């Protein structure tokens, strides 16, 4: 029920941290929120529950959830998509990118005469 509620979820297999895919990035879902949400779901369905049952359900979810995708190193995450440094292309967000954050900037296409080389020479600097 919790997975269905959150829709797209994944777990970091090393830490057991649960993430939900929202707005182009994987966002951490704290255990306290997971517990409260599951309790609310049980309440809404008039289903009895107890703290140990909630803990067990969340632990089961961690085992069953897909593994959080790893982020590629050759991408820059923007609010509205991802710039792939290897391909030199801007692409829409995808859960497969494995992004945990973006830079808060909206990507726009270059204006006539504008180029990364001349106007943002350090954009691709490592």
PDB file of N, CA and C in Angstrom:
ATOM      1  N   UNK A   1       0.818  -1.197   0.000  1.00  0.00           N
ATOM      2  CA  UNK A   1       0.000   0.000   0.000  1.00  0.00           C
ATOM      3  C   UNK A   1       0.861   1.260   0.000  1.00  0.00           C
ATOM      4  N   UNK A   2       1.948   1.209   0.740  1.00  0.00           N
ATOM      5  CA  UNK A   2       2.814   2.388   0.827  1.00  0.00           C
ATOM      6  C   UNK A   2       3.504   2.660  -0.508  1.00  0.00           C
ATOM      7  N   UNK A   3       3.940   1.603  -1.180  1.00  0.00           N
ATOM      8  CA  UNK A   3       4.575   1.765  -2.493  1.00  0.00           C
ATOM      9  C   UNK A   3       3.572   2.345  -3.486  1.00  0.00           C
ATOM     10  N   UNK A   4       2.346   1.854  -3.453  1.00  0.00           N
ATOM     11  CA  UNK A   4       1.310   2.375  -4.353  1.00  0.00           C
ATOM     12  C   UNK A   4       1.029   3.847  -4.044  1.00  0.00           C
ATOM     13  N   UNK A   5       1.048   4.215  -2.781  1.00  0.00           N
ATOM     14  CA  UNK A   5       0.801   5.603  -2.387  1.00  0.00           C
ATOM     15  C   UNK A   5       1.888   6.522  -2.942  1.00  0.00           C
ATOM     16  N   UNK A   6       3.135   6.119  -2.795  1.00  0.00           N
ATOM     17  CA  UNK A   6       4.254   6.954  -3.236  1.00  0.00           C
ATOM     18  C   UNK A   6       4.547   6.814  -4.730  1.00  0.00           C
ATOM     19  N   UNK A   7       3.991   5.827  -5.380  1.00  0.00           N
ATOM     20  CA  UNK A   7       4.179   5.536  -6.796  1.00  0.00           C
ATOM     21  C   UNK A   7       5.620   5.137  -7.093  1.00  0.00           C
ATOM     22  N   UNK A   8       6.475   6.045  -7.490  1.00  0.00           N
ATOM     23  CA  UNK A   8       7.843   5.686  -7.848  1.00  0.00           C
ATOM     24  C   UNK A   8       8.750   5.813  -6.635  1.00  0.00           C
ATOM     25  N   UNK A   9       9.172   4.671  -6.091  1.00  0.00           N
ATOM     26  CA  UNK A   9      10.083   4.662  -4.955  1.00  0.00           C
ATOM     27  C   UNK A   9      11.261   3.750  -5.258  1.00  0.00           C
ATOM     28  N   UNK A  10      12.364   4.036  -4.585  1.00  0.00           N
ATOM     29  CA  UNK A  10      13.574   3.218  -4.712  1.00  0.00           C
ATOM     30  C   UNK A  10      14.323   3.318  -3.392  1.00  0.00           C
ATOM     31  N   UNK A  11      15.221   2.377  -3.175  1.00  0.00           N
ATOM     32  CA  UNK A  11      15.962   2.352  -1.921  1.00  0.00           C
ATOM     33  C   UNK A  11      17.458   2.338  -2.215  1.00  0.00           C
ATOM     34  N   UNK A  12      18.205   3.052  -1.394  1.00  0.00           N
ATOM     35  CA  UNK A  12      19.657   2.966  -1.447  1.00  0.00           C
ATOM     36  C   UNK A  12      20.025   1.680  -0.721  1.00  0.00           C
ATOM     37  N   UNK A  13      20.597   0.702  -1.412  1.00  0.00           N
ATOM     38  CA  UNK A  13      20.851  -0.592  -0.784  1.00  0.00           C
ATOM     39  C   UNK A  13      21.894  -0.542   0.333  1.00  0.00           C
ATOM     40  N   UNK A  14      22.753   0.459   0.321  1.00  0.00           N
ATOM     41  CA  UNK A  14      23.787   0.556   1.355  1.00  0.00           C
ATOM     42  C   UNK A  14      23.235   1.128   2.664  1.00  0.00           C
ATOM     43  N   UNK A  15      22.374   2.132   2.553  1.00  0.00           N
ATOM     44  CA  UNK A  15      21.864   2.801   3.756  1.00  0.00           C
ATOM     45  C   UNK A  15      20.441   2.396   4.120  1.00  0.00           C
ATOM     46  N   UNK A  16      19.712   1.821   3.164  1.00  0.00           N
ATOM     47  CA  UNK A  16      18.310   1.506   3.405  1.00  0.00           C
ATOM     48  C   UNK A  16      17.404   2.717   3.292  1.00  0.00           C
ATOM     49  N   UNK A  17      17.944   3.850   2.860  1.00  0.00           N
ATOM     50  CA  UNK A  17      17.178   5.081   2.729  1.00  0.00           C
ATOM     51  C   UNK A  17      16.197   4.951   1.563  1.00  0.00           C
ATOM     52  N   UNK A  18      14.959   5.375   1.813  1.00  0.00           N
ATOM     53  CA  UNK A  18      13.908   5.310   0.800  1.00  0.00           C
ATOM     54  C   UNK A  18      13.807   6.663   0.102  1.00  0.00           C
ATOM     55  N   UNK A  19      13.661   6.619  -1.222  1.00  0.00           N
ATOM     56  CA  UNK A  19      13.521   7.825  -2.032  1.00  0.00           C
ATOM     57  C   UNK A  19      12.267   7.716  -2.888  1.00  0.00           C
ATOM     58  N   UNK A  20      11.666   8.864  -3.156  1.00  0.00           N
ATOM     59  CA  UNK A  20      10.534   8.948  -4.060  1.00  0.00           C
ATOM     60  C   UNK A  20      10.924   9.864  -5.210  1.00  0.00           C
ATOM     61  N   UNK A  21      10.575   9.458  -6.419  1.00  0.00           N
ATOM     62  CA  UNK A  21      10.880  10.279  -7.586  1.00  0.00           C
ATOM     63  C   UNK A  21       9.816  11.356  -7.729  1.00  0.00           C
ATOM     64  N   UNK A  22      10.234  12.614  -7.623  1.00  0.00           N
ATOM     65  CA  UNK A  22       9.342  13.760  -7.745  1.00  0.00           C
ATOM     66  C   UNK A  22      10.066  14.892  -8.457  1.00  0.00           C
ATOM     67  N   UNK A  23       9.400  15.481  -9.406  1.00  0.00           N
ATOM     68  CA  UNK A  23       9.899  16.686 -10.071  1.00  0.00           C
ATOM     69  C   UNK A  23      11.327  16.532 -10.594  1.00  0.00           C
ATOM     70  N   UNK A  24      11.630  15.368 -11.164  1.00  0.00           N
ATOM     71  CA  UNK A  24      12.913  15.162 -11.820  1.00  0.00           C
ATOM     72  C   UNK A  24      14.044  14.658 -10.954  1.00  0.00           C
ATOM     73  N   UNK A  25      13.824  14.541  -9.640  1.00  0.00           N
ATOM     74  CA  UNK A  25      14.885  14.053  -8.765  1.00  0.00           C
ATOM     75  C   UNK A  25      14.323  13.031  -7.774  1.00  0.00           C
ATOM     76  N   UNK A  26      15.220  12.230  -7.230  1.00  0.00           N
ATOM     77  CA  UNK A  26      14.868  11.284  -6.173  1.00  0.00           C
ATOM     78  C   UNK A  26      14.974  12.012  -4.838  1.00  0.00           C
ATOM     79  N   UNK A  27      13.852  12.110  -4.133  1.00  0.00           N
ATOM     80  CA  UNK A  27      13.809  12.852  -2.871  1.00  0.00           C
ATOM     81  C   UNK A  27      13.710  11.895  -1.688  1.00  0.00           C
ATOM     82  N   UNK A  28      14.565  12.122  -0.706  1.00  0.00           N
ATOM     83  CA  UNK A  28      14.610  11.296   0.505  1.00  0.00           C
ATOM     84  C   UNK A  28      13.272  11.345   1.229  1.00  0.00           C
ATOM     85  N   UNK A  29      12.795  10.183   1.654  1.00  0.00           N
ATOM     86  CA  UNK A  29      11.571  10.088   2.438  1.00  0.00           C
ATOM     87  C   UNK A  29      11.945   9.557   3.818  1.00  0.00           C
ATOM     88  N   UNK A  30      11.975  10.416   4.832  1.00  0.00           N
ATOM     89  CA  UNK A  30      12.395   9.976   6.164  1.00  0.00           C
ATOM     90  C   UNK A  30      11.470   8.900   6.729  1.00  0.00           C
ATOM     91  N   UNK A  31      12.027   8.043   7.563  1.00  0.00           N
ATOM     92  CA  UNK A  31      11.250   6.975   8.175  1.00  0.00           C
ATOM     93  C   UNK A  31      10.046   7.507   8.933  1.00  0.00           C
ATOM     94  N   UNK A  32      10.202   8.638   9.614  1.00  0.00           N
ATOM     95  CA  UNK A  32       9.079   9.192  10.365  1.00  0.00           C
ATOM     96  C   UNK A  32       7.908   9.506   9.436  1.00  0.00           C
ATOM     97  N   UNK A  33       8.201  10.012   8.245  1.00  0.00           N
ATOM     98  CA  UNK A  33       7.148  10.306   7.278  1.00  0.00           C
ATOM     99  C   UNK A  33       6.526   9.018   6.756  1.00  0.00           C
ATOM    100  N   UNK A  34       7.358   8.015   6.458  1.00  0.00           N
ATOM    101  CA  UNK A  34       6.841   6.729   5.987  1.00  0.00           C
ATOM    102  C   UNK A  34       5.903   6.113   7.015  1.00  0.00           C
ATOM    103  N   UNK A  35       6.282   6.157   8.278  1.00  0.00           N
ATOM    104  CA  UNK A  35       5.462   5.581   9.351  1.00  0.00           C
ATOM    105  C   UNK A  35       4.128   6.315   9.466  1.00  0.00           C
ATOM    106  N   UNK A  36       4.185   7.633   9.466  1.00  0.00           N
ATOM    107  CA  UNK A  36       2.949   8.418   9.593  1.00  0.00           C
ATOM    108  C   UNK A  36       2.036   8.208   8.390  1.00  0.00           C
ATOM    109  N   UNK A  37       2.619   8.128   7.212  1.00  0.00           N
ATOM    110  CA  UNK A  37       1.826   7.916   6.003  1.00  0.00           C
ATOM    111  C   UNK A  37       1.154   6.549   6.035  1.00  0.00           C
ATOM    112  N   UNK A  38       1.898   5.523   6.409  1.00  0.00           N
ATOM    113  CA  UNK A  38       1.320   4.179   6.467  1.00  0.00           C
ATOM    114  C   UNK A  38       0.225   4.105   7.524  1.00  0.00           C
ATOM    115  N   UNK A  39       0.436   4.733   8.659  1.00  0.00           N
ATOM    116  CA  UNK A  39      -0.601   4.763   9.696  1.00  0.00           C
ATOM    117  C   UNK A  39      -1.864   5.453   9.166  1.00  0.00           C
ATOM    118  N   UNK A  40      -1.689   6.542   8.436  1.00  0.00           N
ATOM    119  CA  UNK A  40      -2.837   7.252   7.863  1.00  0.00           C
ATOM    120  C   UNK A  40      -3.569   6.379   6.847  1.00  0.00           C
ATOM    121  N   UNK A  41      -2.829   5.602   6.068  1.00  0.00           N
ATOM    122  CA  UNK A  41      -3.452   4.689   5.100  1.00  0.00           C
ATOM    123  C   UNK A  41      -4.277   3.639   5.839  1.00  0.00           C
ATOM    124  N   UNK A  42      -3.712   3.065   6.902  1.00  0.00           N
ATOM    125  CA  UNK A  42      -4.454   2.083   7.699  1.00  0.00           C
ATOM    126  C   UNK A  42      -5.719   2.719   8.287  1.00  0.00           C
ATOM    127  N   UNK A  43      -5.582   3.925   8.819  1.00  0.00           N
ATOM    128  CA  UNK A  43      -6.732   4.625   9.403  1.00  0.00           C
ATOM    129  C   UNK A  43      -7.816   4.852   8.342  1.00  0.00           C
ATOM    130  N   UNK A  44      -7.414   5.292   7.163  1.00  0.00           N
ATOM    131  CA  UNK A  44      -8.374   5.577   6.093  1.00  0.00           C
ATOM    132  C   UNK A  44      -9.140   4.326   5.668  1.00  0.00           C
ATOM    133  N   UNK A  45      -8.496   3.169   5.796  1.00  0.00           N
ATOM    134  CA  UNK A  45      -9.139   1.898   5.424  1.00  0.00           C
ATOM    135  C   UNK A  45      -9.714   1.169   6.631  1.00  0.00           C
ATOM    136  N   UNK A  46      -9.717   1.851   7.781  1.00  0.00           N
ATOM    137  CA  UNK A  46     -10.230   1.278   9.023  1.00  0.00           C
ATOM    138  C   UNK A  46      -9.622  -0.097   9.305  1.00  0.00           C
ATOM    139  N   UNK A  47      -8.306  -0.165   9.113  1.00  0.00           N
ATOM    140  CA  UNK A  47      -7.563  -1.402   9.317  1.00  0.00           C
ATOM    141  C   UNK A  47      -6.746  -1.287  10.599  1.00  0.00           C
ATOM    142  N   UNK A  48      -6.846  -2.277  11.477  1.00  0.00           N
ATOM    143  CA  UNK A  48      -6.048  -2.214  12.708  1.00  0.00           C
ATOM    144  C   UNK A  48      -4.553  -2.321  12.397  1.00  0.00           C
ATOM    145  N   UNK A  49      -3.756  -1.665  13.209  1.00  0.00           N
ATOM    146  CA  UNK A  49      -2.304  -1.691  13.033  1.00  0.00           C
ATOM    147  C   UNK A  49      -1.645  -1.441  14.375  1.00  0.00           C
ATOM    148  N   UNK A  50      -0.341  -1.694  14.405  1.00  0.00           N
ATOM    149  CA  UNK A  50       0.446  -1.386  15.603  1.00  0.00           C
ATOM    150  C   UNK A  50       1.834  -0.959  15.151  1.00  0.00           C
ATOM    151  N   UNK A  51       2.599  -0.321  16.033  1.00  0.00           N
ATOM    152  CA  UNK A  51       3.923   0.173  15.637  1.00  0.00           C
ATOM    153  C   UNK A  51       4.843  -0.916  15.077  1.00  0.00           C
ATOM    154  N   UNK A  52       4.817  -2.104  15.641  1.00  0.00           N
ATOM    155  CA  UNK A  52       5.679  -3.172  15.127  1.00  0.00           C
ATOM    156  C   UNK A  52       5.270  -3.593  13.725  1.00  0.00           C
ATOM    157  N   UNK A  53       3.980  -3.631  13.465  1.00  0.00           N
ATOM    158  CA  UNK A  53       3.495  -3.970  12.130  1.00  0.00           C
ATOM    159  C   UNK A  53       3.902  -2.930  11.102  1.00  0.00           C
ATOM    160  N   UNK A  54       3.856  -1.660  11.492  1.00  0.00           N
ATOM    161  CA  UNK A  54       4.275  -0.590  10.588  1.00  0.00           C
ATOM    162  C   UNK A  54       5.761  -0.704  10.295  1.00  0.00           C
ATOM    163  N   UNK A  55       6.562  -0.929  11.344  1.00  0.00           N
ATOM    164  CA  UNK A  55       8.020  -1.113  11.156  1.00  0.00           C
ATOM    165  C   UNK A  55       8.299  -2.271  10.201  1.00  0.00           C
ATOM    166  N   UNK A  56       7.593  -3.385  10.399  1.00  0.00           N
ATOM    167  CA  UNK A  56       7.804  -4.563   9.553  1.00  0.00           C
ATOM    168  C   UNK A  56       7.409  -4.280   8.107  1.00  0.00           C
ATOM    169  N   UNK A  57       6.316  -3.554   7.906  1.00  0.00           N
ATOM    170  CA  UNK A  57       5.882  -3.231   6.547  1.00  0.00           C
ATOM    171  C   UNK A  57       6.896  -2.343   5.839  1.00  0.00           C
ATOM    172  N   UNK A  58       7.441  -1.372   6.559  1.00  0.00           N
ATOM    173  CA  UNK A  58       8.436  -0.476   5.957  1.00  0.00           C
ATOM    174  C   UNK A  58       9.724  -1.241   5.656  1.00  0.00           C
ATOM    175  N   UNK A  59      10.128  -2.120   6.546  1.00  0.00           N
ATOM    176  CA  UNK A  59      11.328  -2.930   6.301  1.00  0.00           C
ATOM    177  C   UNK A  59      11.126  -3.845   5.094  1.00  0.00           C
ATOM    178  N   UNK A  60       9.927  -4.416   4.970  1.00  0.00           N
ATOM    179  CA  UNK A  60       9.620  -5.252   3.803  1.00  0.00           C
ATOM    180  C   UNK A  60       9.678  -4.429   2.525  1.00  0.00           C
ATOM    181  N   UNK A  61       9.179  -3.203   2.598  1.00  0.00           N
ATOM    182  CA  UNK A  61       9.214  -2.322   1.436  1.00  0.00           C
ATOM    183  C   UNK A  61      10.663  -2.077   1.003  1.00  0.00           C
ATOM    184  N   UNK A  62      11.550  -1.881   1.964  1.00  0.00           N
ATOM    185  CA  UNK A  62      12.973  -1.658   1.636  1.00  0.00           C
ATOM    186  C   UNK A  62      13.569  -2.841   0.883  1.00  0.00           C
ATOM    187  N   UNK A  63      13.164  -4.028   1.258  1.00  0.00           N
ATOM    188  CA  UNK A  63      13.689  -5.239   0.622  1.00  0.00           C
ATOM    189  C   UNK A  63      13.121  -5.399  -0.785  1.00  0.00           C
ATOM    190  N   UNK A  64      11.870  -5.023  -0.964  1.00  0.00           N
ATOM    191  CA  UNK A  64      11.191  -5.242  -2.239  1.00  0.00           C
ATOM    192  C   UNK A  64      11.362  -4.101  -3.236  1.00  0.00           C
ATOM    193  N   UNK A  65      11.637  -2.898  -2.755  1.00  0.00           N
ATOM    194  CA  UNK A  65      11.764  -1.740  -3.645  1.00  0.00           C
ATOM    195  C   UNK A  65      12.923  -1.918  -4.615  1.00  0.00           C
ATOM    196  N   UNK A  66      12.802  -1.332  -5.792  1.00  0.00           N
ATOM    197  CA  UNK A  66      13.956  -1.330  -6.696  1.00  0.00           C
ATOM    198  C   UNK A  66      15.103  -0.531  -6.093  1.00  0.00           C
ATOM    199  N   UNK A  67      16.297  -0.808  -6.562  1.00  0.00           N
ATOM    200  CA  UNK A  67      17.488  -0.104  -6.091  1.00  0.00           C
ATOM    201  C   UNK A  67      17.551   1.262  -6.764  1.00  0.00           C
ATOM    202  N   UNK A  68      17.918   2.260  -5.992  1.00  0.00           N
ATOM    203  CA  UNK A  68      18.072   3.618  -6.499  1.00  0.00           C
ATOM    204  C   UNK A  68      19.101   3.628  -7.628  1.00  0.00           C
ATOM    205  N   UNK A  69      18.751   4.161  -8.810  1.00  0.00           N
ATOM    206  CA  UNK A  69      19.732   4.212  -9.897  1.00  0.00           C
ATOM    207  C   UNK A  69      20.914   5.106  -9.513  1.00  0.00           C
ATOM    208  N   UNK A  70      22.067   4.798 -10.036  1.00  0.00           N
ATOM    209  CA  UNK A  70      23.229   5.643  -9.766  1.00  0.00           C
ATOM    210  C   UNK A  70      23.289   6.765 -10.788  1.00  0.00           C
ATOM    211  N   UNK A  71      23.715   7.915 -10.323  1.00  0.00           N
ATOM    212  CA  UNK A  71      23.795   9.091 -11.176  1.00  0.00           C
ATOM    213  C   UNK A  71      25.013   9.006 -12.084  1.00  0.00           C
ATOM    214  N   UNK A  72      24.806   9.348 -13.358  1.00  0.00           N
ATOM    215  CA  UNK A  72      25.935   9.418 -14.277  1.00  0.00           C
ATOM    216  C   UNK A  72      26.760  10.653 -13.999  1.00  0.00           C
ATOM    217  N   UNK A  73      28.052  10.557 -14.168  1.00  0.00           N
ATOM    218  CA  UNK A  73      28.931  11.697 -13.894  1.00  0.00           C
ATOM    219  C   UNK A  73      28.891  12.747 -14.979  1.00  0.00           C
ATOM    220  N   UNK A  74      28.459  12.376 -16.171  1.00  0.00           N
ATOM    221  CA  UNK A  74      28.521  13.295 -17.308  1.00  0.00           C
ATOM    222  C   UNK A  74      27.194  13.994 -17.546  1.00  0.00           C
ATOM    223  N   UNK A  75      26.543  14.425 -16.467  1.00  0.00           N
ATOM    224  CA  UNK A  75      25.284  15.142 -16.637  1.00  0.00           C
ATOM    225  C   UNK A  75      25.185  16.285 -15.632  1.00  0.00           C
ATOM    226  N   UNK A  76      24.553  17.356 -16.076  1.00  0.00           N
ATOM    227  CA  UNK A  76      24.314  18.502 -15.209  1.00  0.00           C
ATOM    228  C   UNK A  76      22.801  18.631 -15.085  1.00  0.00           C
ATOM    229  N   UNK A  77      22.308  18.574 -13.852  1.00  0.00           N
ATOM    230  CA  UNK A  77      20.864  18.586 -13.616  1.00  0.00           C
ATOM    231  C   UNK A  77      20.350  20.009 -13.452  1.00  0.00           C
ATOM    232  N   UNK A  78      19.360  20.349 -14.237  1.00  0.00           N
ATOM    233  CA  UNK A  78      18.670  21.622 -14.168  1.00  0.00           C
ATOM    234  C   UNK A  78      17.251  21.371 -13.681  1.00  0.00           C
ATOM    235  N   UNK A  79      16.532  22.433 -13.367  1.00  0.00           N
ATOM    236  CA  UNK A  79      15.148  22.303 -12.912  1.00  0.00           C
ATOM    237  C   UNK A  79      14.303  21.584 -13.963  1.00  0.00           C
ATOM    238  N   UNK A  80      14.507  21.902 -15.217  1.00  0.00           N
ATOM    239  CA  UNK A  80      13.655  21.409 -16.287  1.00  0.00           C
ATOM    240  C   UNK A  80      14.257  20.290 -17.131  1.00  0.00           C
ATOM    241  N   UNK A  81      15.349  19.694 -16.710  1.00  0.00           N
ATOM    242  CA  UNK A  81      15.946  18.585 -17.453  1.00  0.00           C
ATOM    243  C   UNK A  81      17.417  18.420 -17.135  1.00  0.00           C
ATOM    244  N   UNK A  82      18.095  17.653 -17.975  1.00  0.00           N
ATOM    245  CA  UNK A  82      19.495  17.300 -17.743  1.00  0.00           C
ATOM    246  C   UNK A  82      20.309  17.579 -19.006  1.00  0.00           C
ATOM    247  N   UNK A  83      21.442  18.240 -18.821  1.00  0.00           N
ATOM    248  CA  UNK A  83      22.365  18.435 -19.942  1.00  0.00           C
ATOM    249  C   UNK A  83      23.372  17.304 -19.902  1.00  0.00           C
ATOM    250  N   UNK A  84      23.381  16.491 -20.949  1.00  0.00           N
ATOM    251  CA  UNK A  84      24.312  15.373 -21.069  1.00  0.00           C
ATOM    252  C   UNK A  84      25.605  15.900 -21.676  1.00  0.00           C
ATOM    253  N   UNK A  85      26.659  15.921 -20.877  1.00  0.00           N
ATOM    254  CA  UNK A  85      27.938  16.468 -21.332  1.00  0.00           C
ATOM    255  C   UNK A  85      28.557  15.642 -22.446  1.00  0.00           C
ATOM    256  N   UNK A  86      28.390  14.325 -22.403  1.00  0.00           N
ATOM    257  CA  UNK A  86      28.966  13.461 -23.445  1.00  0.00           C
ATOM    258  C   UNK A  86      28.264  13.655 -24.782  1.00  0.00           C
ATOM    259  N   UNK A  87      26.945  13.732 -24.759  1.00  0.00           N
ATOM    260  CA  UNK A  87      26.177  13.880 -25.996  1.00  0.00           C
ATOM    261  C   UNK A  87      26.062  15.338 -26.424  1.00  0.00           C
ATOM    262  N   UNK A  88      26.314  16.272 -25.497  1.00  0.00           N
ATOM    263  CA  UNK A  88      26.158  17.687 -25.811  1.00  0.00           C
ATOM    264  C   UNK A  88      24.708  18.056 -26.049  1.00  0.00           C
ATOM    265  N   UNK A  89      23.782  17.361 -25.350  1.00  0.00           N
ATOM    266  CA  UNK A  89      22.358  17.575 -25.565  1.00  0.00           C
ATOM    267  C   UNK A  89      21.625  17.767 -24.245  1.00  0.00           C
ATOM    268  N   UNK A  90      20.562  18.553 -24.311  1.00  0.00           N
ATOM    269  CA  UNK A  90      19.670  18.714 -23.182  1.00  0.00           C
ATOM    270  C   UNK A  90      18.566  17.673 -23.319  1.00  0.00           C
ATOM    271  N   UNK A  91      18.282  16.978 -22.228  1.00  0.00           N
ATOM    272  CA  UNK A  91      17.293  15.900 -22.258  1.00  0.00           C
ATOM    273  C   UNK A  91      16.304  16.076 -21.108  1.00  0.00           C
ATOM    274  N   UNK A  92      15.100  15.519 -21.256  1.00  0.00           N
ATOM    275  CA  UNK A  92      14.143  15.605 -20.152  1.00  0.00           C
ATOM    276  C   UNK A  92      14.614  14.770 -18.961  1.00  0.00           C
ATOM    277  N   UNK A  93      14.086  15.087 -17.792  1.00  0.00           N
ATOM    278  CA  UNK A  93      14.386  14.294 -16.605  1.00  0.00           C
ATOM    279  C   UNK A  93      13.890  12.866 -16.788  1.00  0.00           C
ATOM    280  N   UNK A  94      14.564  11.950 -16.113  1.00  0.00           N
ATOM    281  CA  UNK A  94      14.172  10.542 -16.115  1.00  0.00           C
ATOM    282  C   UNK A  94      14.568   9.939 -14.775  1.00  0.00           C
ATOM    283  N   UNK A  95      13.740   9.056 -14.222  1.00  0.00           N
ATOM    284  CA  UNK A  95      14.132   8.382 -12.981  1.00  0.00           C
ATOM    285  C   UNK A  95      15.455   7.636 -13.125  1.00  0.00           C
ATOM    286  N   UNK A  96      15.751   7.161 -14.328  1.00  0.00           N
ATOM    287  CA  UNK A  96      16.980   6.402 -14.572  1.00  0.00           C
ATOM    288  C   UNK A  96      18.243   7.235 -14.395  1.00  0.00           C
ATOM    289  N   UNK A  97      18.113   8.565 -14.394  1.00  0.00           N
ATOM    290  CA  UNK A  97      19.289   9.417 -14.190  1.00  0.00           C
ATOM    291  C   UNK A  97      19.838   9.294 -12.771  1.00  0.00           C
ATOM    292  N   UNK A  98      18.993   8.901 -11.836  1.00  0.00           N
ATOM    293  CA  UNK A  98      19.445   8.722 -10.457  1.00  0.00           C
ATOM    294  C   UNK A  98      19.825  10.005  -9.747  1.00  0.00           C
ATOM    295  N   UNK A  99      19.262  11.125 -10.145  1.00  0.00           N
ATOM    296  CA  UNK A  99      19.632  12.415  -9.571  1.00  0.00           C
ATOM    297  C   UNK A  99      18.977  12.641  -8.218  1.00  0.00           C
ATOM    298  N   UNK A 100      19.759  13.146  -7.265  1.00  0.00           N
ATOM    299  CA  UNK A 100      19.249  13.457  -5.936  1.00  0.00           C
ATOM    300  C   UNK A 100      19.046  14.959  -5.748  1.00  0.00           C
ATOM    301  N   UNK A 101      19.506  15.754  -6.696  1.00  0.00           N
ATOM    302  CA  UNK A 101      19.348  17.207  -6.619  1.00  0.00           C
ATOM    303  C   UNK A 101      19.568  17.800  -8.001  1.00  0.00           C
ATOM    304  N   UNK A 102      19.192  19.049  -8.149  1.00  0.00           N
ATOM    305  CA  UNK A 102      19.492  19.803  -9.370  1.00  0.00           C
ATOM    306  C   UNK A 102      20.039  21.158  -8.943  1.00  0.00           C
ATOM    307  N   UNK A 103      20.502  21.926  -9.898  1.00  0.00           N
ATOM    308  CA  UNK A 103      21.178  23.179  -9.567  1.00  0.00           C
ATOM    309  C   UNK A 103      20.245  24.368  -9.350  1.00  0.00           C
ATOM    310  N   UNK A 104      18.937  24.170  -9.495  1.00  0.00           N
ATOM    311  CA  UNK A 104      17.989  25.250  -9.263  1.00  0.00           C
ATOM    312  C   UNK A 104      17.859  26.231 -10.417  1.00  0.00           C
ATOM    313  N   UNK A 105      18.508  25.948 -11.525  1.00  0.00           N
ATOM    314  CA  UNK A 105      18.506  26.848 -12.681  1.00  0.00           C
ATOM    315  C   UNK A 105      17.670  26.232 -13.793  1.00  0.00           C
ATOM    316  N   UNK A 106      16.908  27.066 -14.497  1.00  0.00           N
ATOM    317  CA  UNK A 106      16.132  26.603 -15.645  1.00  0.00           C
ATOM    318  C   UNK A 106      17.009  26.714 -16.886  1.00  0.00           C
ATOM    319  N   UNK A 107      17.193  25.585 -17.567  1.00  0.00           N
ATOM    320  CA  UNK A 107      17.982  25.548 -18.800  1.00  0.00           C
ATOM    321  C   UNK A 107      17.199  26.229 -19.913  1.00  0.00           C
ATOM    322  N   UNK A 108      17.886  27.059 -20.691  1.00  0.00           N
ATOM    323  CA  UNK A 108      17.301  27.654 -21.884  1.00  0.00           C
ATOM    324  C   UNK A 108      18.273  27.437 -23.038  1.00  0.00           C
ATOM    325  N   UNK A 109      17.727  27.315 -24.218  1.00  0.00           N
ATOM    326  CA  UNK A 109      18.567  27.164 -25.402  1.00  0.00           C
ATOM    327  C   UNK A 109      19.387  28.435 -25.616  1.00  0.00           C
ATOM    328  N   UNK A 110      20.511  28.272 -26.242  1.00  0.00           N
ATOM    329  CA  UNK A 110      21.383  29.414 -26.529  1.00  0.00           C
ATOM    330  C   UNK A 110      20.678  30.398 -27.466  1.00  0.00           C
ATOM    331  N   UNK A 111      20.930  31.661 -27.240  1.00  0.00           N
ATOM    332  CA  UNK A 111      20.406  32.681 -28.146  1.00  0.00           C
ATOM    333  C   UNK A 111      21.334  32.745 -29.360  1.00  0.00           C
ATOM    334  N   UNK A 112      20.888  33.320 -30.459  1.00  0.00           N
ATOM    335  CA  UNK A 112      21.758  33.408 -31.640  1.00  0.00           C
ATOM    336  C   UNK A 112      23.096  34.058 -31.294  1.00  0.00           C
ATOM    337  N   UNK A 113      24.175  33.401 -31.677  1.00  0.00           N
ATOM    338  CA  UNK A 113      25.522  33.910 -31.433  1.00  0.00           C
ATOM    339  C   UNK A 113      26.096  33.515 -30.072  1.00  0.00           C
ATOM    340  N   UNK A 114      25.313  32.883 -29.237  1.00  0.00           N
ATOM    341  CA  UNK A 114      25.774  32.480 -27.912  1.00  0.00           C
ATOM    342  C   UNK A 114      26.277  31.033 -27.973  1.00  0.00           C
ATOM    343  N   UNK A 115      27.357  30.758 -27.256  1.00  0.00           N
ATOM    344  CA  UNK A 115      27.885  29.401 -27.223  1.00  0.00           C
ATOM    345  C   UNK A 115      28.483  29.118 -25.847  1.00  0.00           C
ATOM    346  N   UNK A 116      28.549  27.837 -25.499  1.00  0.00           N
ATOM    347  CA  UNK A 116      29.187  27.460 -24.232  1.00  0.00           C
ATOM    348  C   UNK A 116      30.648  27.881 -24.241  1.00  0.00           C
ATOM    349  N   UNK A 117      31.310  27.659 -25.366  1.00  0.00           N
ATOM    350  CA  UNK A 117      32.735  27.955 -25.465  1.00  0.00           C
ATOM    351  C   UNK A 117      33.037  29.428 -25.189  1.00  0.00           C
ATOM    352  N   UNK A 118      32.236  30.318 -25.770  1.00  0.00           N
ATOM    353  CA  UNK A 118      32.504  31.750 -25.637  1.00  0.00           C
ATOM    354  C   UNK A 118      31.849  32.396 -24.414  1.00  0.00           C
ATOM    355  N   UNK A 119      30.683  31.911 -24.022  1.00  0.00           N
ATOM    356  CA  UNK A 119      29.910  32.583 -22.980  1.00  0.00           C
ATOM    357  C   UNK A 119      29.874  31.839 -21.635  1.00  0.00           C
ATOM    358  N   UNK A 120      30.272  30.587 -21.644  1.00  0.00           N
ATOM    359  CA  UNK A 120      30.332  29.819 -20.389  1.00  0.00           C
ATOM    360  C   UNK A 120      31.494  28.835 -20.483  1.00  0.00           C
ATOM    361  N   UNK A 121      32.719  29.348 -20.619  1.00  0.00           N
ATOM    362  CA  UNK A 121      33.869  28.476 -20.895  1.00  0.00           C
ATOM    363  C   UNK A 121      34.156  27.465 -19.778  1.00  0.00           C
ATOM    364  N   UNK A 122      33.692  27.705 -18.596  1.00  0.00           N
ATOM    365  CA  UNK A 122      33.965  26.792 -17.487  1.00  0.00           C
ATOM    366  C   UNK A 122      32.835  25.806 -17.231  1.00  0.00           C
ATOM    367  N   UNK A 123      31.784  25.834 -18.073  1.00  0.00           N
ATOM    368  CA  UNK A 123      30.618  24.967 -17.885  1.00  0.00           C
ATOM    369  C   UNK A 123      31.006  23.496 -17.864  1.00  0.00           C
ATOM    370  N   UNK A 124      31.887  23.104 -18.742  1.00  0.00           N
ATOM    371  CA  UNK A 124      32.278  21.692 -18.823  1.00  0.00           C
ATOM    372  C   UNK A 124      33.621  21.413 -18.150  1.00  0.00           C
ATOM    373  N   UNK A 125      34.170  22.398 -17.459  1.00  0.00           N
ATOM    374  CA  UNK A 125      35.464  22.183 -16.790  1.00  0.00           C
ATOM    375  C   UNK A 125      35.289  21.228 -15.636  1.00  0.00           C
ATOM    376  N   UNK A 126      36.229  20.340 -15.452  1.00  0.00           N
ATOM    377  CA  UNK A 126      36.145  19.348 -14.378  1.00  0.00           C
ATOM    378  C   UNK A 126      37.027  19.709 -13.324  1.00  0.00           C
TER     379      UNK A 126
END
